[in-house]
Amino acid sequence: MPQLPNLPTRTAVTDPRTGRMSKPWLDALQSAATGSSNEGWASVTAKGGTLTPDLSQGLNQEITVTADTAIAPPTGYTGSPTFRLIFEQDATGGHALTFDPAYKDLTNPAAFSGSNAAANTRVILTCTVRADGSIIQTSFTIGPIPIS
């Protein structure tokens, strides 16, 4: 099992190779776990209604949750990508997330219900799109948002 490095802060920087935003702490974590770096970063706000992750903007989607939101299947990809949805509850917290039925077998759906979604909490879902269009979860992490 790879040893995790000391992770830098969650400050975004622009990757000079791709021109996309990158998070050094996530790059370090992904490199330690898989031996490869991330493939782009997108930051969006879930303000209610339905949010559709656009993977053409990056396979790592940091989503600040400010209201109850439905999460649709992603768009903007080819093949069967593995991607991350990183949900960060705002300082109020308590915002529920509901997932389209394409998302199969979520490990801890209670983590996304409003009453269990504490303020300043981060939930990281790593998912893979299968050939049939269903989305399977490959990892799940929950914890406080670190101070950067």
N, C-alpha and C. Protein backbone atom coordinates (compact mmCIF):
# COMPACT_ATOMS: atom_id res chain seq x y z
N MET A 1 0.84 -1.18 0.00
CA MET A 1 0.00 0.00 0.00
C MET A 1 0.89 1.24 0.00
N PRO A 2 0.62 2.21 -0.89
CA PRO A 2 1.49 3.39 -0.96
C PRO A 2 1.37 4.25 0.29
N GLN A 3 2.46 4.88 0.65
CA GLN A 3 2.47 5.80 1.78
C GLN A 3 1.94 7.14 1.31
N LEU A 4 0.98 7.73 2.07
CA LEU A 4 0.44 9.02 1.70
C LEU A 4 1.44 10.12 2.04
N PRO A 5 1.62 11.07 1.12
CA PRO A 5 2.57 12.15 1.37
C PRO A 5 1.95 13.19 2.30
N ASN A 6 2.79 14.11 2.79
CA ASN A 6 2.24 15.28 3.48
C ASN A 6 1.50 16.09 2.43
N LEU A 7 0.22 16.30 2.65
CA LEU A 7 -0.59 16.95 1.63
C LEU A 7 -0.54 18.46 1.78
N PRO A 8 -0.33 19.17 0.66
CA PRO A 8 -0.36 20.63 0.71
C PRO A 8 -1.77 21.14 0.92
N THR A 9 -1.91 22.46 1.06
CA THR A 9 -3.22 23.05 1.26
C THR A 9 -4.09 22.85 0.03
N ARG A 10 -5.37 23.17 0.14
CA ARG A 10 -6.31 22.96 -0.95
C ARG A 10 -6.41 24.17 -1.88
N THR A 11 -5.37 24.97 -1.94
CA THR A 11 -5.35 26.13 -2.81
C THR A 11 -5.23 25.69 -4.27
N ALA A 12 -6.04 26.29 -5.14
CA ALA A 12 -6.00 25.94 -6.56
C ALA A 12 -4.85 26.66 -7.25
N VAL A 13 -4.25 25.98 -8.21
CA VAL A 13 -3.23 26.58 -9.07
C VAL A 13 -3.55 26.17 -10.50
N THR A 14 -3.02 26.90 -11.46
CA THR A 14 -3.22 26.54 -12.86
C THR A 14 -2.07 25.65 -13.31
N ASP A 15 -2.42 24.51 -13.87
CA ASP A 15 -1.43 23.56 -14.38
C ASP A 15 -0.90 24.12 -15.69
N PRO A 16 0.40 24.43 -15.79
CA PRO A 16 0.92 25.03 -17.02
C PRO A 16 0.85 24.09 -18.23
N ARG A 17 0.78 22.78 -17.99
CA ARG A 17 0.71 21.82 -19.09
C ARG A 17 -0.66 21.82 -19.75
N THR A 18 -1.71 21.95 -18.93
CA THR A 18 -3.06 21.81 -19.46
C THR A 18 -3.85 23.11 -19.44
N GLY A 19 -3.40 24.09 -18.64
CA GLY A 19 -4.15 25.33 -18.50
C GLY A 19 -5.36 25.19 -17.59
N ARG A 20 -5.55 24.01 -16.99
CA ARG A 20 -6.69 23.78 -16.11
C ARG A 20 -6.30 24.00 -14.66
N MET A 21 -7.32 24.26 -13.84
CA MET A 21 -7.09 24.41 -12.42
C MET A 21 -6.71 23.05 -11.83
N SER A 22 -5.84 23.08 -10.86
CA SER A 22 -5.38 21.87 -10.20
C SER A 22 -5.35 22.12 -8.70
N LYS A 23 -5.53 21.08 -7.94
CA LYS A 23 -5.43 21.16 -6.49
C LYS A 23 -4.23 20.32 -6.07
N PRO A 24 -3.17 20.93 -5.59
CA PRO A 24 -1.98 20.15 -5.24
C PRO A 24 -2.26 19.04 -4.24
N TRP A 25 -3.13 19.27 -3.27
CA TRP A 25 -3.41 18.23 -2.28
C TRP A 25 -4.07 17.02 -2.93
N LEU A 26 -4.95 17.24 -3.93
CA LEU A 26 -5.59 16.11 -4.59
C LEU A 26 -4.62 15.43 -5.54
N ASP A 27 -3.80 16.21 -6.23
CA ASP A 27 -2.79 15.62 -7.10
C ASP A 27 -1.89 14.69 -6.30
N ALA A 28 -1.44 15.16 -5.13
CA ALA A 28 -0.56 14.34 -4.30
C ALA A 28 -1.26 13.08 -3.84
N LEU A 29 -2.52 13.19 -3.42
CA LEU A 29 -3.27 12.03 -2.97
C LEU A 29 -3.48 11.04 -4.10
N GLN A 30 -3.90 11.53 -5.27
CA GLN A 30 -4.15 10.63 -6.39
C GLN A 30 -2.85 9.99 -6.87
N SER A 31 -1.77 10.76 -6.91
CA SER A 31 -0.50 10.19 -7.34
C SER A 31 -0.05 9.09 -6.39
N ALA A 32 -0.24 9.30 -5.09
CA ALA A 32 0.15 8.28 -4.11
C ALA A 32 -0.69 7.03 -4.26
N ALA A 33 -1.98 7.21 -4.56
CA ALA A 33 -2.89 6.06 -4.63
C ALA A 33 -2.79 5.32 -5.96
N THR A 34 -2.57 6.05 -7.06
CA THR A 34 -2.67 5.42 -8.37
C THR A 34 -1.42 5.54 -9.22
N GLY A 35 -0.50 6.41 -8.82
CA GLY A 35 0.69 6.63 -9.62
C GLY A 35 0.45 7.58 -10.78
N SER A 36 -0.74 8.22 -10.83
CA SER A 36 -1.01 9.18 -11.91
C SER A 36 -1.59 10.45 -11.31
N SER A 37 -1.47 11.56 -12.04
CA SER A 37 -2.00 12.83 -11.55
C SER A 37 -3.42 13.02 -12.03
N ASN A 38 -4.08 14.03 -11.47
CA ASN A 38 -5.47 14.25 -11.86
C ASN A 38 -5.57 14.82 -13.27
N GLU A 39 -6.75 14.81 -13.83
CA GLU A 39 -6.96 15.27 -15.19
C GLU A 39 -7.94 16.42 -15.20
N GLY A 40 -7.59 17.51 -14.55
CA GLY A 40 -8.41 18.70 -14.57
C GLY A 40 -9.28 18.84 -13.35
N TRP A 41 -9.70 20.07 -13.14
CA TRP A 41 -10.43 20.43 -11.94
C TRP A 41 -11.51 21.42 -12.29
N ALA A 42 -12.67 21.26 -11.73
CA ALA A 42 -13.75 22.23 -11.92
C ALA A 42 -14.37 22.53 -10.57
N SER A 43 -14.64 23.79 -10.30
CA SER A 43 -15.31 24.19 -9.07
C SER A 43 -16.65 24.81 -9.44
N VAL A 44 -17.71 24.29 -8.82
CA VAL A 44 -19.06 24.79 -9.08
C VAL A 44 -19.80 24.91 -7.75
N THR A 45 -20.93 25.62 -7.78
CA THR A 45 -21.77 25.77 -6.60
C THR A 45 -23.11 25.12 -6.87
N ALA A 46 -23.55 24.27 -5.93
CA ALA A 46 -24.87 23.63 -6.01
C ALA A 46 -25.84 24.54 -5.28
N LYS A 47 -26.64 25.30 -6.04
CA LYS A 47 -27.52 26.32 -5.47
C LYS A 47 -28.96 25.86 -5.41
N GLY A 48 -29.21 24.58 -5.59
CA GLY A 48 -30.57 24.06 -5.62
C GLY A 48 -30.90 23.61 -7.04
N GLY A 49 -32.05 22.97 -7.20
CA GLY A 49 -32.42 22.46 -8.52
C GLY A 49 -31.60 21.23 -8.84
N THR A 50 -31.17 21.11 -10.10
CA THR A 50 -30.40 19.95 -10.55
C THR A 50 -29.02 20.39 -11.01
N LEU A 51 -28.02 19.68 -10.56
CA LEU A 51 -26.64 19.93 -10.96
C LEU A 51 -26.18 18.77 -11.83
N THR A 52 -25.66 19.08 -13.02
CA THR A 52 -25.12 18.07 -13.93
C THR A 52 -23.62 18.28 -14.05
N PRO A 53 -22.81 17.40 -13.43
CA PRO A 53 -21.36 17.56 -13.56
C PRO A 53 -20.91 17.47 -15.02
N ASP A 54 -20.09 18.42 -15.47
CA ASP A 54 -19.57 18.43 -16.83
C ASP A 54 -18.11 17.97 -16.78
N LEU A 55 -17.87 16.70 -17.09
CA LEU A 55 -16.54 16.15 -16.98
C LEU A 55 -15.57 16.69 -18.02
N SER A 56 -16.08 17.39 -19.04
CA SER A 56 -15.16 18.03 -19.99
C SER A 56 -14.41 19.17 -19.31
N GLN A 57 -14.92 19.64 -18.17
CA GLN A 57 -14.27 20.70 -17.41
C GLN A 57 -13.25 20.16 -16.42
N GLY A 58 -13.22 18.85 -16.23
CA GLY A 58 -12.28 18.22 -15.31
C GLY A 58 -12.91 16.99 -14.67
N LEU A 59 -12.10 15.99 -14.42
CA LEU A 59 -12.60 14.76 -13.81
C LEU A 59 -12.73 14.88 -12.30
N ASN A 60 -12.29 16.00 -11.76
CA ASN A 60 -12.43 16.28 -10.33
C ASN A 60 -13.34 17.49 -10.21
N GLN A 61 -14.50 17.28 -9.60
CA GLN A 61 -15.51 18.33 -9.50
C GLN A 61 -15.69 18.71 -8.04
N GLU A 62 -15.21 19.90 -7.65
CA GLU A 62 -15.41 20.40 -6.29
C GLU A 62 -16.72 21.18 -6.28
N ILE A 63 -17.67 20.72 -5.48
CA ILE A 63 -19.02 21.27 -5.50
C ILE A 63 -19.34 21.83 -4.13
N THR A 64 -19.48 23.16 -4.03
CA THR A 64 -19.90 23.78 -2.79
C THR A 64 -21.41 23.72 -2.72
N VAL A 65 -21.94 23.11 -1.67
CA VAL A 65 -23.38 22.87 -1.55
C VAL A 65 -23.98 23.97 -0.68
N THR A 66 -24.87 24.78 -1.29
CA THR A 66 -25.50 25.89 -0.57
C THR A 66 -27.01 25.74 -0.47
N ALA A 67 -27.57 24.67 -1.05
CA ALA A 67 -29.01 24.41 -1.01
C ALA A 67 -29.24 22.94 -1.37
N ASP A 68 -30.43 22.43 -1.05
CA ASP A 68 -30.78 21.07 -1.45
C ASP A 68 -30.66 20.96 -2.97
N THR A 69 -30.01 19.90 -3.46
CA THR A 69 -29.71 19.78 -4.88
C THR A 69 -29.83 18.34 -5.34
N ALA A 70 -30.35 18.14 -6.54
CA ALA A 70 -30.37 16.83 -7.19
C ALA A 70 -29.13 16.73 -8.07
N ILE A 71 -28.46 15.57 -8.04
CA ILE A 71 -27.25 15.36 -8.82
C ILE A 71 -27.58 14.44 -10.00
N ALA A 72 -27.46 14.99 -11.21
CA ALA A 72 -27.74 14.24 -12.44
C ALA A 72 -26.49 13.48 -12.87
N PRO A 73 -26.64 12.52 -13.78
CA PRO A 73 -25.44 11.84 -14.32
C PRO A 73 -24.55 12.86 -15.04
N PRO A 74 -23.26 12.62 -15.06
CA PRO A 74 -22.36 13.57 -15.70
C PRO A 74 -22.50 13.57 -17.22
N THR A 75 -22.03 14.66 -17.81
CA THR A 75 -21.94 14.79 -19.27
C THR A 75 -20.50 15.13 -19.61
N GLY A 76 -20.20 15.23 -20.91
CA GLY A 76 -18.90 15.72 -21.36
C GLY A 76 -17.77 14.72 -21.23
N TYR A 77 -18.04 13.45 -21.46
CA TYR A 77 -16.98 12.45 -21.37
C TYR A 77 -17.12 11.44 -22.50
N THR A 78 -16.06 10.68 -22.73
CA THR A 78 -16.09 9.55 -23.65
C THR A 78 -15.59 8.33 -22.90
N GLY A 79 -15.98 7.17 -23.32
CA GLY A 79 -15.52 5.95 -22.68
C GLY A 79 -16.17 5.75 -21.33
N SER A 80 -15.41 5.20 -20.41
CA SER A 80 -15.89 4.90 -19.06
C SER A 80 -14.96 5.56 -18.03
N PRO A 81 -15.09 6.88 -17.87
CA PRO A 81 -14.14 7.58 -17.00
C PRO A 81 -14.38 7.29 -15.52
N THR A 82 -13.32 7.44 -14.77
CA THR A 82 -13.41 7.49 -13.31
C THR A 82 -13.29 8.96 -12.95
N PHE A 83 -14.17 9.43 -12.07
CA PHE A 83 -14.20 10.84 -11.71
C PHE A 83 -14.50 11.00 -10.24
N ARG A 84 -14.22 12.20 -9.72
CA ARG A 84 -14.49 12.51 -8.32
C ARG A 84 -15.52 13.63 -8.22
N LEU A 85 -16.46 13.43 -7.31
CA LEU A 85 -17.39 14.48 -6.92
C LEU A 85 -17.05 14.82 -5.47
N ILE A 86 -16.61 16.04 -5.24
CA ILE A 86 -16.18 16.47 -3.92
C ILE A 86 -17.19 17.50 -3.44
N PHE A 87 -18.06 17.06 -2.54
CA PHE A 87 -19.14 17.92 -2.05
C PHE A 87 -18.69 18.57 -0.75
N GLU A 88 -18.79 19.90 -0.70
CA GLU A 88 -18.45 20.63 0.51
C GLU A 88 -19.67 21.41 0.96
N GLN A 89 -20.20 21.04 2.14
CA GLN A 89 -21.32 21.79 2.70
C GLN A 89 -20.82 23.18 3.09
N ASP A 90 -21.66 24.19 2.87
CA ASP A 90 -21.28 25.55 3.26
C ASP A 90 -21.32 25.69 4.79
N ALA A 91 -21.12 26.89 5.29
CA ALA A 91 -21.06 27.13 6.73
C ALA A 91 -22.40 26.88 7.42
N THR A 92 -23.49 26.85 6.66
CA THR A 92 -24.80 26.55 7.23
C THR A 92 -25.01 25.05 7.35
N GLY A 93 -24.66 24.31 6.31
CA GLY A 93 -24.82 22.86 6.30
C GLY A 93 -26.28 22.45 6.24
N GLY A 94 -26.53 21.16 6.33
CA GLY A 94 -27.89 20.64 6.34
C GLY A 94 -28.54 20.58 4.97
N HIS A 95 -27.78 20.74 3.90
CA HIS A 95 -28.34 20.71 2.55
C HIS A 95 -28.33 19.27 2.02
N ALA A 96 -29.47 18.80 1.60
CA ALA A 96 -29.59 17.42 1.13
C ALA A 96 -29.18 17.31 -0.34
N LEU A 97 -28.56 16.18 -0.66
CA LEU A 97 -28.24 15.83 -2.04
C LEU A 97 -29.00 14.56 -2.38
N THR A 98 -29.66 14.58 -3.53
CA THR A 98 -30.30 13.36 -4.03
C THR A 98 -29.67 13.03 -5.36
N PHE A 99 -29.50 11.75 -5.61
CA PHE A 99 -28.78 11.29 -6.79
C PHE A 99 -29.72 10.62 -7.78
N ASP A 100 -29.49 10.88 -9.06
CA ASP A 100 -30.21 10.22 -10.14
C ASP A 100 -30.07 8.70 -9.96
N PRO A 101 -31.08 7.92 -10.39
CA PRO A 101 -30.98 6.46 -10.27
C PRO A 101 -29.80 5.84 -11.02
N ALA A 102 -29.15 6.58 -11.93
CA ALA A 102 -27.96 6.05 -12.61
C ALA A 102 -26.83 5.78 -11.62
N TYR A 103 -26.82 6.52 -10.48
CA TYR A 103 -25.82 6.29 -9.45
C TYR A 103 -26.25 5.05 -8.66
N LYS A 104 -25.46 4.00 -8.73
CA LYS A 104 -25.81 2.72 -8.11
C LYS A 104 -25.04 2.49 -6.81
N ASP A 105 -25.72 1.92 -5.84
CA ASP A 105 -25.09 1.39 -4.62
C ASP A 105 -24.19 2.38 -3.91
N LEU A 106 -24.71 3.58 -3.61
CA LEU A 106 -23.92 4.52 -2.82
C LEU A 106 -23.69 3.93 -1.43
N THR A 107 -22.46 3.98 -0.95
CA THR A 107 -22.09 3.36 0.31
C THR A 107 -22.85 3.93 1.50
N ASN A 108 -22.96 5.24 1.57
CA ASN A 108 -23.52 5.87 2.76
C ASN A 108 -24.50 6.97 2.36
N PRO A 109 -25.68 6.61 1.85
CA PRO A 109 -26.61 7.65 1.39
C PRO A 109 -27.04 8.60 2.50
N ALA A 110 -27.00 8.17 3.77
CA ALA A 110 -27.38 9.05 4.87
C ALA A 110 -26.45 10.26 4.97
N ALA A 111 -25.21 10.13 4.48
CA ALA A 111 -24.27 11.24 4.53
C ALA A 111 -24.74 12.41 3.68
N PHE A 112 -25.68 12.16 2.77
CA PHE A 112 -26.14 13.20 1.86
C PHE A 112 -27.49 13.77 2.26
N SER A 113 -28.11 13.20 3.30
CA SER A 113 -29.41 13.73 3.71
C SER A 113 -29.18 15.00 4.51
N GLY A 114 -30.11 15.93 4.43
CA GLY A 114 -29.94 17.25 5.05
C GLY A 114 -29.58 17.19 6.52
N SER A 115 -30.27 16.35 7.29
CA SER A 115 -30.04 16.34 8.74
C SER A 115 -28.66 15.79 9.10
N ASN A 116 -28.06 14.97 8.24
CA ASN A 116 -26.76 14.39 8.52
C ASN A 116 -25.61 15.15 7.88
N ALA A 117 -25.90 16.15 7.08
CA ALA A 117 -24.87 16.89 6.36
C ALA A 117 -24.45 18.10 7.19
N ALA A 118 -23.46 17.91 8.03
CA ALA A 118 -23.01 18.97 8.93
C ALA A 118 -22.34 20.11 8.16
N ALA A 119 -22.38 21.29 8.75
CA ALA A 119 -21.71 22.44 8.16
C ALA A 119 -20.22 22.15 7.99
N ASN A 120 -19.64 22.70 6.94
CA ASN A 120 -18.20 22.58 6.67
C ASN A 120 -17.72 21.13 6.65
N THR A 121 -18.52 20.26 6.04
CA THR A 121 -18.15 18.86 5.89
C THR A 121 -17.88 18.58 4.42
N ARG A 122 -16.88 17.75 4.17
CA ARG A 122 -16.53 17.35 2.80
C ARG A 122 -16.83 15.86 2.63
N VAL A 123 -17.51 15.53 1.54
CA VAL A 123 -17.74 14.15 1.15
C VAL A 123 -17.12 13.97 -0.23
N ILE A 124 -16.24 12.99 -0.38
CA ILE A 124 -15.60 12.72 -1.66
C ILE A 124 -16.09 11.37 -2.18
N LEU A 125 -16.71 11.40 -3.34
CA LEU A 125 -17.15 10.18 -4.02
C LEU A 125 -16.26 9.99 -5.24
N THR A 126 -15.67 8.83 -5.37
CA THR A 126 -14.98 8.48 -6.60
C THR A 126 -15.88 7.48 -7.31
N CYS A 127 -16.19 7.75 -8.56
CA CYS A 127 -17.15 6.95 -9.32
C CYS A 127 -16.58 6.59 -10.68
N THR A 128 -17.13 5.53 -11.26
CA THR A 128 -16.79 5.14 -12.62
C THR A 128 -18.08 4.95 -13.41
N VAL A 129 -18.10 5.47 -14.64
CA VAL A 129 -19.23 5.27 -15.53
C VAL A 129 -19.02 3.94 -16.24
N ARG A 130 -20.01 3.07 -16.15
CA ARG A 130 -19.92 1.77 -16.83
C ARG A 130 -20.47 1.90 -18.24
N ALA A 131 -20.21 0.90 -19.06
CA ALA A 131 -20.62 0.92 -20.47
C ALA A 131 -22.13 1.09 -20.63
N ASP A 132 -22.92 0.60 -19.66
CA ASP A 132 -24.38 0.72 -19.75
C ASP A 132 -24.89 2.08 -19.28
N GLY A 133 -23.97 2.98 -18.89
CA GLY A 133 -24.37 4.32 -18.44
C GLY A 133 -24.60 4.42 -16.94
N SER A 134 -24.61 3.29 -16.25
CA SER A 134 -24.77 3.35 -14.79
C SER A 134 -23.44 3.81 -14.18
N ILE A 135 -23.54 4.34 -12.99
CA ILE A 135 -22.38 4.92 -12.32
C ILE A 135 -22.18 4.16 -11.02
N ILE A 136 -21.01 3.58 -10.85
CA ILE A 136 -20.73 2.86 -9.63
C ILE A 136 -19.72 3.64 -8.79
N GLN A 137 -19.91 3.58 -7.50
CA GLN A 137 -19.01 4.23 -6.57
C GLN A 137 -17.82 3.32 -6.34
N THR A 138 -16.61 3.87 -6.43
CA THR A 138 -15.42 3.06 -6.17
C THR A 138 -14.74 3.43 -4.86
N SER A 139 -15.05 4.62 -4.31
CA SER A 139 -14.56 4.96 -2.97
C SER A 139 -15.42 6.08 -2.39
N PHE A 140 -15.35 6.22 -1.07
CA PHE A 140 -16.16 7.18 -0.33
C PHE A 140 -15.34 7.67 0.85
N THR A 141 -15.24 9.00 1.03
CA THR A 141 -14.54 9.58 2.16
C THR A 141 -15.37 10.72 2.69
N ILE A 142 -15.44 10.86 4.02
CA ILE A 142 -16.18 11.96 4.63
C ILE A 142 -15.34 12.55 5.75
N GLY A 143 -15.40 13.86 5.91
CA GLY A 143 -14.68 14.49 6.99
C GLY A 143 -14.80 16.00 6.95
N PRO A 144 -14.19 16.68 7.90
CA PRO A 144 -14.26 18.15 7.92
C PRO A 144 -13.43 18.75 6.79
N ILE A 145 -13.78 19.95 6.38
CA ILE A 145 -13.00 20.68 5.39
C ILE A 145 -11.76 21.22 6.09
N PRO A 146 -10.55 20.90 5.62
CA PRO A 146 -9.37 21.38 6.31
C PRO A 146 -9.20 22.89 6.16
N ILE A 147 -8.56 23.47 7.13
CA ILE A 147 -8.24 24.89 7.06
C ILE A 147 -7.09 25.05 6.11
N SER A 148 -7.24 25.96 5.13
CA SER A 148 -6.14 26.13 4.17
C SER A 148 -5.37 27.40 4.43
